[in-house]
C-alpha cells in the first residue's frame, strides 16, 4: 500500500492507495480541490463538513449525468443495430459498435474513478 499526502480545504490528509495509483489519486484530489474552489467562490467559506458534503454532491451529480449518458448511448446502439440489421449492413454495425463501445469504456472508466473517490 502506498500513501499520498493531500491538502484539501485547508487540511492535510494521508490517503492510502494501491502501488502505481499515486498519480491518479493526486489527480483526483486536484479535481476535488477545483470543485471546492468553485463552490467556495460561489457561496463563500463554509464549515469543512458542509463544504465536503456539497462537493460530494457535485461529484455524485456528475456521476449521475454520466450514467444517464451511458444509458442513452446504449439505447442509441440498440436502435442503430436494429436499423442497420434491416439493411443487411453487418460491417456498418461493427464500426458503430466499436465507436460506441469505446465511448462507453471511457465513460465507465470515469464513473469508476468517481465511484472510488466517493467510496473513500
N, C-alpha and C. Protein backbone atom coordinates (compact mmCIF):
# COMPACT_ATOMS: atom_id res chain seq x y z
N UNK A 1 0.84 -1.18 0.00
CA UNK A 1 0.00 0.00 0.00
C UNK A 1 0.88 1.24 0.00
N UNK A 2 0.55 2.17 -0.84
CA UNK A 2 1.28 3.44 -0.91
C UNK A 2 0.40 4.52 -0.29
N UNK A 3 0.99 5.67 -0.02
CA UNK A 3 0.23 6.79 0.52
C UNK A 3 0.52 8.05 -0.29
N UNK A 4 -0.45 8.93 -0.26
CA UNK A 4 -0.34 10.23 -0.93
C UNK A 4 -0.74 11.29 0.09
N UNK A 5 0.06 12.33 0.20
CA UNK A 5 -0.30 13.46 1.05
C UNK A 5 -1.23 14.37 0.25
N UNK A 6 -2.38 14.68 0.81
CA UNK A 6 -3.36 15.51 0.11
C UNK A 6 -3.74 16.70 0.97
N UNK A 7 -3.75 17.85 0.36
CA UNK A 7 -4.18 19.09 1.02
C UNK A 7 -5.56 19.42 0.46
N UNK A 8 -6.60 19.33 1.31
CA UNK A 8 -7.97 19.56 0.89
C UNK A 8 -8.64 20.52 1.87
N UNK A 9 -9.08 21.65 1.34
CA UNK A 9 -9.83 22.65 2.12
C UNK A 9 -9.13 23.00 3.43
N UNK A 10 -7.83 23.21 3.31
CA UNK A 10 -7.07 23.70 4.45
C UNK A 10 -6.56 22.63 5.40
N UNK A 11 -6.76 21.38 5.07
CA UNK A 11 -6.29 20.31 5.95
C UNK A 11 -5.44 19.33 5.16
N UNK A 12 -4.52 18.69 5.88
CA UNK A 12 -3.65 17.68 5.28
C UNK A 12 -4.20 16.30 5.61
N UNK A 13 -4.20 15.44 4.61
CA UNK A 13 -4.64 14.07 4.78
C UNK A 13 -3.59 13.13 4.20
N UNK A 14 -3.45 11.97 4.82
CA UNK A 14 -2.63 10.92 4.26
C UNK A 14 -3.60 9.88 3.71
N UNK A 15 -3.57 9.69 2.39
CA UNK A 15 -4.50 8.79 1.74
C UNK A 15 -3.76 7.55 1.25
N UNK A 16 -4.34 6.39 1.47
CA UNK A 16 -3.75 5.13 1.03
C UNK A 16 -4.27 4.79 -0.37
N UNK A 17 -3.41 4.15 -1.15
CA UNK A 17 -3.80 3.69 -2.48
C UNK A 17 -2.92 2.52 -2.88
N UNK A 18 -3.36 1.81 -3.92
CA UNK A 18 -2.55 0.72 -4.45
C UNK A 18 -1.29 1.28 -5.09
N UNK A 19 -0.24 0.48 -5.09
CA UNK A 19 1.01 0.88 -5.71
C UNK A 19 0.77 1.19 -7.20
N UNK A 20 1.33 2.30 -7.65
CA UNK A 20 1.15 2.71 -9.04
C UNK A 20 -0.03 3.64 -9.25
N UNK A 21 -0.85 3.83 -8.22
CA UNK A 21 -2.03 4.67 -8.33
C UNK A 21 -1.84 6.05 -7.70
N UNK A 22 -0.62 6.35 -7.28
CA UNK A 22 -0.36 7.62 -6.59
C UNK A 22 -0.70 8.82 -7.46
N UNK A 23 -0.27 8.81 -8.70
CA UNK A 23 -0.52 9.95 -9.60
C UNK A 23 -2.02 10.09 -9.87
N UNK A 24 -2.69 8.97 -10.03
CA UNK A 24 -4.14 9.01 -10.27
C UNK A 24 -4.86 9.60 -9.07
N UNK A 25 -4.49 9.15 -7.87
CA UNK A 25 -5.11 9.68 -6.66
C UNK A 25 -4.82 11.17 -6.51
N UNK A 26 -3.60 11.58 -6.80
CA UNK A 26 -3.26 13.00 -6.73
C UNK A 26 -4.10 13.81 -7.71
N UNK A 27 -4.36 13.26 -8.89
CA UNK A 27 -5.20 13.93 -9.88
C UNK A 27 -6.64 14.04 -9.38
N UNK A 28 -7.15 13.01 -8.73
CA UNK A 28 -8.50 13.06 -8.18
C UNK A 28 -8.61 14.13 -7.10
N UNK A 29 -7.58 14.22 -6.26
CA UNK A 29 -7.56 15.26 -5.21
C UNK A 29 -7.56 16.64 -5.87
N UNK A 30 -6.80 16.79 -6.94
CA UNK A 30 -6.75 18.06 -7.66
C UNK A 30 -8.15 18.42 -8.19
N UNK A 31 -8.86 17.43 -8.73
CA UNK A 31 -10.21 17.68 -9.24
C UNK A 31 -11.17 18.07 -8.11
N UNK A 32 -11.05 17.41 -6.96
CA UNK A 32 -11.90 17.74 -5.82
C UNK A 32 -11.60 19.16 -5.36
N UNK A 33 -10.31 19.51 -5.29
CA UNK A 33 -9.94 20.86 -4.88
C UNK A 33 -10.48 21.91 -5.85
N UNK A 34 -10.49 21.60 -7.14
CA UNK A 34 -11.04 22.54 -8.12
C UNK A 34 -12.52 22.76 -7.88
N UNK A 35 -13.24 21.71 -7.56
CA UNK A 35 -14.67 21.84 -7.28
C UNK A 35 -14.90 22.64 -5.99
N UNK A 36 -14.08 22.36 -4.99
CA UNK A 36 -14.18 23.10 -3.73
C UNK A 36 -13.93 24.58 -3.99
N UNK A 37 -12.94 24.89 -4.79
CA UNK A 37 -12.62 26.28 -5.09
C UNK A 37 -13.79 26.97 -5.80
N UNK A 38 -14.39 26.29 -6.78
CA UNK A 38 -15.55 26.87 -7.49
C UNK A 38 -16.70 27.10 -6.52
N UNK A 39 -16.96 26.12 -5.68
CA UNK A 39 -18.05 26.24 -4.71
C UNK A 39 -17.76 27.35 -3.71
N UNK A 40 -16.53 27.44 -3.26
CA UNK A 40 -16.13 28.47 -2.31
C UNK A 40 -16.34 29.86 -2.90
N UNK A 41 -16.01 30.02 -4.19
CA UNK A 41 -16.22 31.31 -4.84
C UNK A 41 -17.70 31.62 -4.99
N UNK A 42 -18.51 30.59 -5.18
CA UNK A 42 -19.95 30.80 -5.41
C UNK A 42 -20.70 31.10 -4.11
N UNK A 43 -20.36 30.40 -3.02
CA UNK A 43 -21.16 30.54 -1.80
C UNK A 43 -20.37 31.07 -0.61
N UNK A 44 -19.07 31.20 -0.76
CA UNK A 44 -18.25 31.68 0.35
C UNK A 44 -17.77 30.53 1.22
N UNK A 45 -17.05 30.87 2.25
CA UNK A 45 -16.46 29.87 3.14
C UNK A 45 -17.55 29.16 3.92
N UNK A 46 -17.47 27.84 3.95
CA UNK A 46 -18.42 27.01 4.70
C UNK A 46 -17.63 26.14 5.68
N UNK A 47 -18.30 25.63 6.70
CA UNK A 47 -17.62 24.66 7.57
C UNK A 47 -17.14 23.48 6.72
N UNK A 48 -16.05 22.87 7.16
CA UNK A 48 -15.42 21.80 6.39
C UNK A 48 -16.40 20.68 6.02
N UNK A 49 -17.16 20.21 6.98
CA UNK A 49 -18.06 19.09 6.70
C UNK A 49 -19.11 19.47 5.66
N UNK A 50 -19.62 20.68 5.72
CA UNK A 50 -20.62 21.12 4.76
C UNK A 50 -20.01 21.30 3.37
N UNK A 51 -18.80 21.85 3.32
CA UNK A 51 -18.12 22.04 2.04
C UNK A 51 -17.86 20.69 1.38
N UNK A 52 -17.39 19.72 2.17
CA UNK A 52 -17.11 18.40 1.61
C UNK A 52 -18.41 17.69 1.20
N UNK A 53 -19.49 17.92 1.93
CA UNK A 53 -20.78 17.34 1.54
C UNK A 53 -21.24 17.92 0.21
N UNK A 54 -21.20 19.24 0.06
CA UNK A 54 -21.61 19.86 -1.20
C UNK A 54 -20.72 19.42 -2.36
N UNK A 55 -19.43 19.30 -2.09
CA UNK A 55 -18.51 18.85 -3.14
C UNK A 55 -18.84 17.42 -3.54
N UNK A 56 -19.11 16.57 -2.56
CA UNK A 56 -19.50 15.19 -2.86
C UNK A 56 -20.79 15.15 -3.68
N UNK A 57 -21.71 16.02 -3.37
CA UNK A 57 -22.96 16.08 -4.14
C UNK A 57 -22.70 16.51 -5.57
N UNK A 58 -21.75 17.43 -5.76
CA UNK A 58 -21.39 17.84 -7.12
C UNK A 58 -20.83 16.65 -7.90
N UNK A 59 -19.95 15.89 -7.27
CA UNK A 59 -19.37 14.72 -7.93
C UNK A 59 -20.45 13.68 -8.20
N UNK A 60 -21.33 13.45 -7.24
CA UNK A 60 -22.42 12.48 -7.43
C UNK A 60 -23.34 12.91 -8.57
N UNK A 61 -23.57 14.20 -8.70
CA UNK A 61 -24.40 14.71 -9.79
C UNK A 61 -23.73 14.44 -11.14
N UNK A 62 -22.43 14.65 -11.21
CA UNK A 62 -21.69 14.36 -12.44
C UNK A 62 -21.73 12.87 -12.75
N UNK A 63 -21.62 12.03 -11.74
CA UNK A 63 -21.71 10.59 -11.92
C UNK A 63 -23.10 10.21 -12.43
N UNK A 64 -24.12 10.81 -11.88
CA UNK A 64 -25.50 10.56 -12.33
C UNK A 64 -25.66 10.94 -13.80
N UNK A 65 -25.14 12.10 -14.18
CA UNK A 65 -25.22 12.53 -15.58
C UNK A 65 -24.47 11.57 -16.50
N UNK A 66 -23.31 11.09 -16.06
CA UNK A 66 -22.54 10.16 -16.88
C UNK A 66 -23.29 8.84 -17.05
N UNK A 67 -23.94 8.37 -15.98
CA UNK A 67 -24.73 7.14 -16.08
C UNK A 67 -25.89 7.31 -17.05
N UNK A 68 -26.54 8.46 -17.01
CA UNK A 68 -27.63 8.72 -17.95
C UNK A 68 -27.12 8.73 -19.38
N UNK A 69 -25.93 9.30 -19.59
CA UNK A 69 -25.35 9.34 -20.94
C UNK A 69 -25.01 7.93 -21.41
N UNK A 70 -24.51 7.09 -20.54
CA UNK A 70 -24.22 5.71 -20.90
C UNK A 70 -25.51 4.99 -21.31
N UNK A 71 -26.57 5.20 -20.56
CA UNK A 71 -27.86 4.59 -20.89
C UNK A 71 -28.34 5.07 -22.25
N UNK A 72 -28.20 6.36 -22.51
CA UNK A 72 -28.61 6.92 -23.80
C UNK A 72 -27.79 6.32 -24.94
N UNK A 73 -26.49 6.19 -24.74
CA UNK A 73 -25.64 5.62 -25.77
C UNK A 73 -25.96 4.15 -26.03
N UNK A 74 -26.28 3.42 -24.98
CA UNK A 74 -26.67 2.01 -25.16
C UNK A 74 -27.97 1.91 -25.95
N UNK A 75 -28.91 2.78 -25.64
CA UNK A 75 -30.17 2.78 -26.38
C UNK A 75 -29.93 3.15 -27.84
N UNK A 76 -29.07 4.12 -28.06
CA UNK A 76 -28.73 4.52 -29.42
C UNK A 76 -28.07 3.36 -30.18
N UNK A 77 -27.21 2.64 -29.49
CA UNK A 77 -26.56 1.47 -30.10
C UNK A 77 -27.60 0.43 -30.48
N UNK A 78 -28.53 0.14 -29.57
CA UNK A 78 -29.57 -0.84 -29.87
C UNK A 78 -30.41 -0.41 -31.06
N UNK A 79 -30.81 0.85 -31.09
CA UNK A 79 -31.62 1.37 -32.19
C UNK A 79 -30.85 1.29 -33.51
N UNK A 80 -29.59 1.68 -33.46
CA UNK A 80 -28.76 1.65 -34.67
C UNK A 80 -28.57 0.23 -35.16
N UNK A 81 -28.34 -0.69 -34.23
CA UNK A 81 -28.17 -2.09 -34.62
C UNK A 81 -29.43 -2.61 -35.32
N UNK A 82 -30.57 -2.28 -34.78
CA UNK A 82 -31.82 -2.74 -35.39
C UNK A 82 -32.02 -2.13 -36.77
N UNK A 83 -31.73 -0.84 -36.90
CA UNK A 83 -31.92 -0.17 -38.18
C UNK A 83 -30.96 -0.70 -39.23
N UNK A 84 -29.71 -0.88 -38.85
CA UNK A 84 -28.70 -1.33 -39.81
C UNK A 84 -28.93 -2.80 -40.15
N UNK A 85 -29.37 -3.59 -39.19
CA UNK A 85 -29.59 -5.01 -39.43
C UNK A 85 -30.66 -5.21 -40.51
N UNK A 86 -31.64 -4.34 -40.53
CA UNK A 86 -32.69 -4.47 -41.55
C UNK A 86 -32.16 -4.11 -42.93
N UNK A 87 -31.05 -3.37 -42.97
CA UNK A 87 -30.43 -3.00 -44.24
C UNK A 87 -29.30 -3.97 -44.61
N UNK A 88 -29.13 -5.02 -43.80
CA UNK A 88 -28.07 -6.01 -44.02
C UNK A 88 -26.69 -5.36 -44.07
N UNK A 89 -26.39 -4.54 -43.06
CA UNK A 89 -25.13 -3.82 -43.03
C UNK A 89 -24.26 -4.24 -41.88
N UNK A 90 -23.83 -5.51 -41.85
CA UNK A 90 -23.03 -6.02 -40.74
C UNK A 90 -21.73 -5.24 -40.54
N UNK A 91 -21.10 -4.82 -41.61
CA UNK A 91 -19.85 -4.05 -41.48
C UNK A 91 -20.11 -2.71 -40.81
N UNK A 92 -21.21 -2.08 -41.17
CA UNK A 92 -21.54 -0.79 -40.55
C UNK A 92 -21.86 -0.97 -39.08
N UNK A 93 -22.54 -2.06 -38.75
CA UNK A 93 -22.85 -2.32 -37.34
C UNK A 93 -21.56 -2.46 -36.55
N UNK A 94 -20.62 -3.22 -37.07
CA UNK A 94 -19.35 -3.42 -36.36
C UNK A 94 -18.62 -2.11 -36.12
N UNK A 95 -18.60 -1.24 -37.13
CA UNK A 95 -17.92 0.05 -36.98
C UNK A 95 -18.61 0.91 -35.93
N UNK A 96 -19.92 0.93 -35.97
CA UNK A 96 -20.69 1.72 -34.99
C UNK A 96 -20.51 1.14 -33.59
N UNK A 97 -20.55 -0.20 -33.48
CA UNK A 97 -20.37 -0.84 -32.18
C UNK A 97 -19.01 -0.50 -31.58
N UNK A 98 -17.97 -0.52 -32.41
CA UNK A 98 -16.63 -0.22 -31.92
C UNK A 98 -16.54 1.21 -31.39
N UNK A 99 -17.14 2.14 -32.12
CA UNK A 99 -17.12 3.54 -31.70
C UNK A 99 -17.88 3.72 -30.39
N UNK A 100 -19.07 3.16 -30.33
CA UNK A 100 -19.87 3.31 -29.12
C UNK A 100 -19.25 2.55 -27.95
N UNK A 101 -18.68 1.39 -28.20
CA UNK A 101 -18.03 0.64 -27.12
C UNK A 101 -16.87 1.44 -26.55
N UNK A 102 -16.12 2.08 -27.41
CA UNK A 102 -15.00 2.91 -26.95
C UNK A 102 -15.52 4.06 -26.07
N UNK A 103 -16.60 4.70 -26.51
CA UNK A 103 -17.19 5.78 -25.72
C UNK A 103 -17.70 5.26 -24.38
N UNK A 104 -18.34 4.10 -24.38
CA UNK A 104 -18.86 3.53 -23.14
C UNK A 104 -17.72 3.17 -22.19
N UNK A 105 -16.63 2.63 -22.72
CA UNK A 105 -15.49 2.29 -21.87
C UNK A 105 -14.91 3.55 -21.23
N UNK A 106 -14.84 4.63 -21.98
CA UNK A 106 -14.31 5.88 -21.44
C UNK A 106 -15.21 6.40 -20.32
N UNK A 107 -16.54 6.38 -20.56
CA UNK A 107 -17.47 6.81 -19.51
C UNK A 107 -17.39 5.90 -18.30
N UNK A 108 -17.32 4.59 -18.52
CA UNK A 108 -17.24 3.65 -17.41
C UNK A 108 -15.98 3.89 -16.58
N UNK A 109 -14.88 4.18 -17.24
CA UNK A 109 -13.64 4.47 -16.53
C UNK A 109 -13.79 5.72 -15.66
N UNK A 110 -14.41 6.73 -16.23
CA UNK A 110 -14.63 7.97 -15.46
C UNK A 110 -15.55 7.71 -14.27
N UNK A 111 -16.61 6.95 -14.51
CA UNK A 111 -17.56 6.65 -13.44
C UNK A 111 -16.89 5.85 -12.33
N UNK A 112 -16.09 4.86 -12.71
CA UNK A 112 -15.38 4.07 -11.70
C UNK A 112 -14.47 4.95 -10.86
N UNK A 113 -13.77 5.88 -11.50
CA UNK A 113 -12.90 6.79 -10.76
C UNK A 113 -13.68 7.64 -9.77
N UNK A 114 -14.83 8.15 -10.23
CA UNK A 114 -15.67 8.96 -9.34
C UNK A 114 -16.25 8.10 -8.21
N UNK A 115 -16.68 6.89 -8.55
CA UNK A 115 -17.25 6.00 -7.54
C UNK A 115 -16.22 5.63 -6.48
N UNK A 116 -14.98 5.37 -6.91
CA UNK A 116 -13.92 5.06 -5.96
C UNK A 116 -13.67 6.23 -5.02
N UNK A 117 -13.70 7.44 -5.57
CA UNK A 117 -13.47 8.62 -4.73
C UNK A 117 -14.62 8.80 -3.75
N UNK A 118 -15.84 8.59 -4.20
CA UNK A 118 -16.98 8.73 -3.31
C UNK A 118 -16.98 7.67 -2.21
N UNK A 119 -16.48 6.47 -2.54
CA UNK A 119 -16.46 5.38 -1.57
C UNK A 119 -15.37 5.59 -0.52
N UNK A 120 -14.36 6.38 -0.87
CA UNK A 120 -13.23 6.57 0.06
C UNK A 120 -13.61 7.42 1.24
